Amino acid sequence: MKGIEFIQENGKTVKAVIDLRIHKALFDEIFNRYQSQSLPNPNSTVHTNSDVHIADNVSGNNNVIAQKAIAAARTYLGTKHVQGGVSRNGLDCSGLTHLSFKEAGIDLSRDSRSQSVTGMDISIDNVEEGDLVFFATGTDPNRISHVGIITKKGKRKEDLEFIHTSTSRGVVEEQLFKFEYWQKAYRHARRVISPLA
């Protein structure tokens, strides 16, 4: 079938690699099954009732990459804040985004200011899960000093949630505009996951 490569082992089809430019609707259906299974390992291969598998390296689907980055970030929840940290012993905000996207196959620079000019600028009204949000938390209102990942969107800006590293609480996931602090410090959002080919 055009756009689907079936991988066989011992005469049995064990995997299908799907070209999402041709079969995006089919992939969306299978991915919805993946999400409903709530697999503990975000890198696990998806198994469906029809024994179709989706390879981890299927390219071109922004949602899969975004969900991998978010799932990776959530594994750090509770990790303490350490300036310059890039491990489970301690992270700073850009360390969290750098590691999370690395696990999803995207190589982000290490600091928030460099990340803030990566990818495409997105209006806060159009952000999707996996987009980065940037803040100026210091005395200079034009100097980016903090970054987080959108983890949940809704009908209103107030519904947005993000995961980031708080200096006092470590890695947390919370509403983006719940606190006036983040409302005032917010500067812009960026999409670092490339659009579908």
C-alpha atoms as a PDB file:
ATOM      1  CA  MET A   1       0.000   0.000   0.000  1.00  0.00           C
ATOM      2  CA  LYS A   2       1.366   3.415  -0.947  1.00  0.00           C
ATOM      3  CA  GLY A   3       2.723   5.300   2.051  1.00  0.00           C
ATOM      4  CA  ILE A   4       2.890   2.302   4.391  1.00  0.00           C
ATOM      5  CA  GLU A   5       5.922   0.026   4.592  1.00  0.00           C
ATOM      6  CA  PHE A   6       5.216  -3.308   6.265  1.00  0.00           C
ATOM      7  CA  ILE A   7       8.120  -4.904   8.122  1.00  0.00           C
ATOM      8  CA  GLN A   8       8.010  -8.665   8.376  1.00  0.00           C
ATOM      9  CA  GLU A   9       9.828 -11.132  10.602  1.00  0.00           C
ATOM     10  CA  ASN A  10       9.490 -14.894  10.129  1.00  0.00           C
ATOM     11  CA  GLY A  11       6.695 -14.388   7.603  1.00  0.00           C
ATOM     12  CA  LYS A  12       4.602 -12.270   9.983  1.00  0.00           C
ATOM     13  CA  THR A  13       3.987  -8.517   9.730  1.00  0.00           C
ATOM     14  CA  VAL A  14       5.354  -7.023  12.947  1.00  0.00           C
ATOM     15  CA  LYS A  15       5.632  -3.336  12.146  1.00  0.00           C
ATOM     16  CA  ALA A  16       4.265  -0.702   9.790  1.00  0.00           C
ATOM     17  CA  VAL A  17       6.097   2.552   9.048  1.00  0.00           C
ATOM     18  CA  ILE A  18       3.541   5.155   7.975  1.00  0.00           C
ATOM     19  CA  ASP A  19       4.228   8.163   5.732  1.00  0.00           C
ATOM     20  CA  LEU A  20       2.235  10.830   7.547  1.00  0.00           C
ATOM     21  CA  ARG A  21       2.040  13.060   4.483  1.00  0.00           C
ATOM     22  CA  ILE A  22      -0.236  10.426   2.959  1.00  0.00           C
ATOM     23  CA  HIS A  23      -1.900   8.746   5.950  1.00  0.00           C
ATOM     24  CA  LYS A  24      -2.151  11.378   8.691  1.00  0.00           C
ATOM     25  CA  ALA A  25      -5.772  10.433   9.579  1.00  0.00           C
ATOM     26  CA  LEU A  26      -4.768   6.802  10.084  1.00  0.00           C
ATOM     27  CA  PHE A  27      -1.848   7.821  12.254  1.00  0.00           C
ATOM     28  CA  ASP A  28      -4.038  10.150  14.339  1.00  0.00           C
ATOM     29  CA  GLU A  29      -6.392   7.246  15.068  1.00  0.00           C
ATOM     30  CA  ILE A  30      -3.519   4.993  16.143  1.00  0.00           C
ATOM     31  CA  PHE A  31      -1.896   7.756  18.178  1.00  0.00           C
ATOM     32  CA  ASN A  32      -5.175   8.328  20.042  1.00  0.00           C
ATOM     33  CA  ARG A  33      -5.040   4.647  21.021  1.00  0.00           C
ATOM     34  CA  TYR A  34      -1.456   5.203  22.162  1.00  0.00           C
ATOM     35  CA  GLN A  35      -2.481   8.093  24.394  1.00  0.00           C
ATOM     36  CA  SER A  36      -5.380   6.133  25.894  1.00  0.00           C
ATOM     37  CA  GLN A  37      -3.004   3.297  26.833  1.00  0.00           C
ATOM     38  CA  SER A  38      -1.006   5.737  29.032  1.00  0.00           C
ATOM     39  CA  LEU A  39       2.221   3.883  28.477  1.00  0.00           C
ATOM     40  CA  PRO A  40       4.710   4.561  31.305  1.00  0.00           C
ATOM     41  CA  ASN A  41       7.637   4.710  28.883  1.00  0.00           C
ATOM     42  CA  PRO A  42       7.212   7.489  26.284  1.00  0.00           C
ATOM     43  CA  ASN A  43       9.721   5.739  24.014  1.00  0.00           C
ATOM     44  CA  SER A  44       7.769   2.486  23.905  1.00  0.00           C
ATOM     45  CA  THR A  45       6.582   1.159  20.578  1.00  0.00           C
ATOM     46  CA  VAL A  46       2.832   1.452  20.087  1.00  0.00           C
ATOM     47  CA  HIS A  47       0.957  -1.868  19.924  1.00  0.00           C
ATOM     48  CA  THR A  48      -2.592  -1.966  18.586  1.00  0.00           C
ATOM     49  CA  ASN A  49      -5.172  -4.732  18.351  1.00  0.00           C
ATOM     50  CA  SER A  50      -4.349  -5.209  14.667  1.00  0.00           C
ATOM     51  CA  ASP A  51      -0.709  -5.823  15.589  1.00  0.00           C
ATOM     52  CA  VAL A  52       0.397  -2.693  13.724  1.00  0.00           C
ATOM     53  CA  HIS A  53       3.399  -0.983  15.284  1.00  0.00           C
ATOM     54  CA  ILE A  54       4.643   2.541  14.786  1.00  0.00           C
ATOM     55  CA  ALA A  55       8.382   2.994  14.795  1.00  0.00           C
ATOM     56  CA  ASP A  56       9.742   5.516  17.263  1.00  0.00           C
ATOM     57  CA  ASN A  57      11.587   7.308  14.487  1.00  0.00           C
ATOM     58  CA  VAL A  58       8.551   8.095  12.318  1.00  0.00           C
ATOM     59  CA  SER A  59       9.188  11.660  11.204  1.00  0.00           C
ATOM     60  CA  GLY A  60       6.859  14.501  10.397  1.00  0.00           C
ATOM     61  CA  ASN A  61       4.310  14.327  13.189  1.00  0.00           C
ATOM     62  CA  ASN A  62       4.579  17.341  15.452  1.00  0.00           C
ATOM     63  CA  ASN A  63       2.210  15.940  18.054  1.00  0.00           C
ATOM     64  CA  VAL A  64       4.276  12.798  18.618  1.00  0.00           C
ATOM     65  CA  ILE A  65       7.442  14.832  19.119  1.00  0.00           C
ATOM     66  CA  ALA A  66       5.645  17.292  21.405  1.00  0.00           C
ATOM     67  CA  GLN A  67       4.207  14.485  23.532  1.00  0.00           C
ATOM     68  CA  LYS A  68       7.611  12.806  23.794  1.00  0.00           C
ATOM     69  CA  ALA A  69       9.182  16.069  24.982  1.00  0.00           C
ATOM     70  CA  ILE A  70       6.388  16.655  27.493  1.00  0.00           C
ATOM     71  CA  ALA A  71       6.539  13.074  28.778  1.00  0.00           C
ATOM     72  CA  ALA A  72      10.313  13.403  29.167  1.00  0.00           C
ATOM     73  CA  ALA A  73       9.922  16.696  31.044  1.00  0.00           C
ATOM     74  CA  ARG A  74       7.380  15.149  33.404  1.00  0.00           C
ATOM     75  CA  THR A  75       9.882  12.494  34.438  1.00  0.00           C
ATOM     76  CA  TYR A  76      11.808  15.360  36.083  1.00  0.00           C
ATOM     77  CA  LEU A  77       8.866  16.619  38.189  1.00  0.00           C
ATOM     78  CA  GLY A  78      10.115  17.363  41.685  1.00  0.00           C
ATOM     79  CA  THR A  79      13.767  17.604  40.638  1.00  0.00           C
ATOM     80  CA  LYS A  80      15.377  20.483  42.519  1.00  0.00           C
ATOM     81  CA  HIS A  81      16.543  23.662  40.835  1.00  0.00           C
ATOM     82  CA  VAL A  82      20.290  23.933  40.313  1.00  0.00           C
ATOM     83  CA  GLN A  83      21.673  26.799  38.257  1.00  0.00           C
ATOM     84  CA  GLY A  84      23.444  25.284  35.248  1.00  0.00           C
ATOM     85  CA  GLY A  85      22.164  21.811  36.163  1.00  0.00           C
ATOM     86  CA  VAL A  86      21.461  19.229  33.475  1.00  0.00           C
ATOM     87  CA  SER A  87      20.784  16.019  35.394  1.00  0.00           C
ATOM     88  CA  ARG A  88      18.290  14.354  37.710  1.00  0.00           C
ATOM     89  CA  ASN A  89      20.334  15.731  40.599  1.00  0.00           C
ATOM     90  CA  GLY A  90      19.336  19.253  39.620  1.00  0.00           C
ATOM     91  CA  LEU A  91      18.154  21.333  36.667  1.00  0.00           C
ATOM     92  CA  ASP A  92      17.637  24.896  35.663  1.00  0.00           C
ATOM     93  CA  CYS A  93      14.843  25.947  33.291  1.00  0.00           C
ATOM     94  CA  SER A  94      16.775  25.654  30.036  1.00  0.00           C
ATOM     95  CA  GLY A  95      18.400  22.447  31.237  1.00  0.00           C
ATOM     96  CA  LEU A  96      14.898  20.961  31.507  1.00  0.00           C
ATOM     97  CA  THR A  97      13.879  22.065  28.004  1.00  0.00           C
ATOM     98  CA  HIS A  98      17.233  21.026  26.534  1.00  0.00           C
ATOM     99  CA  LEU A  99      17.069  17.499  27.987  1.00  0.00           C
ATOM    100  CA  SER A 100      13.351  17.012  27.276  1.00  0.00           C
ATOM    101  CA  PHE A 101      13.610  17.928  23.617  1.00  0.00           C
ATOM    102  CA  LYS A 102      16.832  15.948  23.243  1.00  0.00           C
ATOM    103  CA  GLU A 103      14.890  12.848  24.290  1.00  0.00           C
ATOM    104  CA  ALA A 104      12.315  13.735  21.612  1.00  0.00           C
ATOM    105  CA  GLY A 105      15.015  14.035  18.948  1.00  0.00           C
ATOM    106  CA  ILE A 106      15.411  17.820  18.830  1.00  0.00           C
ATOM    107  CA  ASP A 107      18.744  19.421  19.686  1.00  0.00           C
ATOM    108  CA  LEU A 108      18.033  22.703  21.478  1.00  0.00           C
ATOM    109  CA  SER A 109      20.754  25.049  22.591  1.00  0.00           C
ATOM    110  CA  ARG A 110      21.536  25.031  26.297  1.00  0.00           C
ATOM    111  CA  ASP A 111      20.438  28.518  27.436  1.00  0.00           C
ATOM    112  CA  SER A 112      17.026  30.210  27.430  1.00  0.00           C
ATOM    113  CA  ARG A 113      18.137  33.263  25.425  1.00  0.00           C
ATOM    114  CA  SER A 114      19.399  31.095  22.564  1.00  0.00           C
ATOM    115  CA  GLN A 115      16.276  28.946  22.730  1.00  0.00           C
ATOM    116  CA  SER A 116      14.146  32.105  22.541  1.00  0.00           C
ATOM    117  CA  VAL A 117      15.272  32.745  18.950  1.00  0.00           C
ATOM    118  CA  THR A 118      15.008  29.117  17.787  1.00  0.00           C
ATOM    119  CA  GLY A 119      12.121  28.035  15.588  1.00  0.00           C
ATOM    120  CA  MET A 120       9.081  30.146  14.821  1.00  0.00           C
ATOM    121  CA  ASP A 121       7.409  32.886  16.856  1.00  0.00           C
ATOM    122  CA  ILE A 122       3.870  31.912  17.936  1.00  0.00           C
ATOM    123  CA  SER A 123       1.066  34.039  19.362  1.00  0.00           C
ATOM    124  CA  ILE A 124       0.028  32.971  22.855  1.00  0.00           C
ATOM    125  CA  ASP A 125      -3.478  32.503  21.438  1.00  0.00           C
ATOM    126  CA  ASN A 126      -2.163  29.892  18.990  1.00  0.00           C
ATOM    127  CA  VAL A 127       0.250  27.896  21.153  1.00  0.00           C
ATOM    128  CA  GLU A 128       0.150  24.121  21.021  1.00  0.00           C
ATOM    129  CA  GLU A 129       1.404  21.522  23.457  1.00  0.00           C
ATOM    130  CA  GLY A 130       5.180  21.336  23.100  1.00  0.00           C
ATOM    131  CA  ASP A 131       5.674  25.027  22.305  1.00  0.00           C
ATOM    132  CA  LEU A 132       8.155  26.955  24.453  1.00  0.00           C
ATOM    133  CA  VAL A 133       7.178  30.026  26.472  1.00  0.00           C
ATOM    134  CA  PHE A 134       9.712  32.656  27.513  1.00  0.00           C
ATOM    135  CA  PHE A 135       9.893  35.122  30.361  1.00  0.00           C
ATOM    136  CA  ALA A 136      11.959  38.060  31.549  1.00  0.00           C
ATOM    137  CA  THR A 137      12.193  37.527  35.302  1.00  0.00           C
ATOM    138  CA  GLY A 138      15.112  39.835  36.057  1.00  0.00           C
ATOM    139  CA  THR A 139      15.439  43.602  36.242  1.00  0.00           C
ATOM    140  CA  ASP A 140      15.785  43.990  32.465  1.00  0.00           C
ATOM    141  CA  PRO A 141      12.310  43.534  30.896  1.00  0.00           C
ATOM    142  CA  ASN A 142      13.878  42.745  27.523  1.00  0.00           C
ATOM    143  CA  ARG A 143      16.292  40.054  28.705  1.00  0.00           C
ATOM    144  CA  ILE A 144      14.922  36.507  28.475  1.00  0.00           C
ATOM    145  CA  SER A 145      15.810  34.622  31.634  1.00  0.00           C
ATOM    146  CA  HIS A 146      13.268  31.790  31.926  1.00  0.00           C
ATOM    147  CA  VAL A 147      11.658  29.153  29.705  1.00  0.00           C
ATOM    148  CA  GLY A 148       8.994  26.470  30.043  1.00  0.00           C
ATOM    149  CA  ILE A 149       7.079  23.987  27.874  1.00  0.00           C
ATOM    150  CA  ILE A 150       3.333  24.225  27.196  1.00  0.00           C
ATOM    151  CA  THR A 151       1.814  20.955  28.402  1.00  0.00           C
ATOM    152  CA  LYS A 152      -1.904  21.661  28.117  1.00  0.00           C
ATOM    153  CA  LYS A 153      -3.997  24.042  26.075  1.00  0.00           C
ATOM    154  CA  GLY A 154      -7.624  24.990  26.394  1.00  0.00           C
ATOM    155  CA  LYS A 155     -10.202  27.356  25.000  1.00  0.00           C
ATOM    156  CA  ARG A 156      -8.808  30.298  26.958  1.00  0.00           C
ATOM    157  CA  LYS A 157      -5.337  31.546  27.819  1.00  0.00           C
ATOM    158  CA  GLU A 158      -6.192  30.916  31.454  1.00  0.00           C
ATOM    159  CA  ASP A 159      -6.422  27.173  30.692  1.00  0.00           C
ATOM    160  CA  LEU A 160      -2.812  26.920  29.506  1.00  0.00           C
ATOM    161  CA  GLU A 161      -0.438  24.848  31.619  1.00  0.00           C
ATOM    162  CA  PHE A 162       3.331  24.638  31.421  1.00  0.00           C
ATOM    163  CA  ILE A 163       6.186  22.715  32.968  1.00  0.00           C
ATOM    164  CA  HIS A 164       9.274  24.571  34.113  1.00  0.00           C
ATOM    165  CA  THR A 165      11.860  24.748  36.850  1.00  0.00           C
ATOM    166  CA  SER A 166      11.010  27.024  39.740  1.00  0.00           C
ATOM    167  CA  THR A 167      13.974  28.241  41.777  1.00  0.00           C
ATOM    168  CA  SER A 168      12.095  27.523  45.010  1.00  0.00           C
ATOM    169  CA  ARG A 169       9.991  24.465  44.084  1.00  0.00           C
ATOM    170  CA  GLY A 170      12.058  22.659  41.456  1.00  0.00           C
ATOM    171  CA  VAL A 171      10.390  21.192  38.373  1.00  0.00           C
ATOM    172  CA  VAL A 172       6.642  21.881  38.512  1.00  0.00           C
ATOM    173  CA  GLU A 173       3.675  21.806  36.160  1.00  0.00           C
ATOM    174  CA  GLU A 174       1.074  24.513  36.679  1.00  0.00           C
ATOM    175  CA  GLN A 175      -1.274  27.004  35.055  1.00  0.00           C
ATOM    176  CA  LEU A 176       0.670  29.547  33.032  1.00  0.00           C
ATOM    177  CA  PHE A 177      -1.334  32.625  33.936  1.00  0.00           C
ATOM    178  CA  LYS A 178      -2.508  31.619  37.413  1.00  0.00           C
ATOM    179  CA  PHE A 179       0.089  33.841  39.078  1.00  0.00           C
ATOM    180  CA  GLU A 180       0.485  37.534  38.350  1.00  0.00           C
ATOM    181  CA  TYR A 181       4.252  36.998  38.458  1.00  0.00           C
ATOM    182  CA  TRP A 182       4.200  34.909  35.265  1.00  0.00           C
ATOM    183  CA  GLN A 183       1.640  37.189  33.617  1.00  0.00           C
ATOM    184  CA  LYS A 184       3.954  40.161  34.017  1.00  0.00           C
ATOM    185  CA  ALA A 185       7.129  38.281  33.129  1.00  0.00           C
ATOM    186  CA  TYR A 186       5.745  36.562  29.990  1.00  0.00           C
ATOM    187  CA  ARG A 187       7.367  37.761  26.729  1.00  0.00           C
ATOM    188  CA  HIS A 188       6.656  35.351  23.856  1.00  0.00           C
ATOM    189  CA  ALA A 189       6.278  31.765  22.636  1.00  0.00           C
ATOM    190  CA  ARG A 190       8.249  29.770  20.062  1.00  0.00           C
ATOM    191  CA  ARG A 191       7.558  26.571  18.129  1.00  0.00           C
ATOM    192  CA  VAL A 192      10.778  24.596  17.856  1.00  0.00           C
ATOM    193  CA  ILE A 193       9.192  21.521  16.273  1.00  0.00           C
ATOM    194  CA  SER A 194       9.323  21.861  12.491  1.00  0.00           C
ATOM    195  CA  PRO A 195       6.013  21.982  10.583  1.00  0.00           C
ATOM    196  CA  LEU A 196       4.887  18.871   8.725  1.00  0.00           C
ATOM    197  CA  ALA A 197       6.783  18.345   5.473  1.00  0.00           C
END
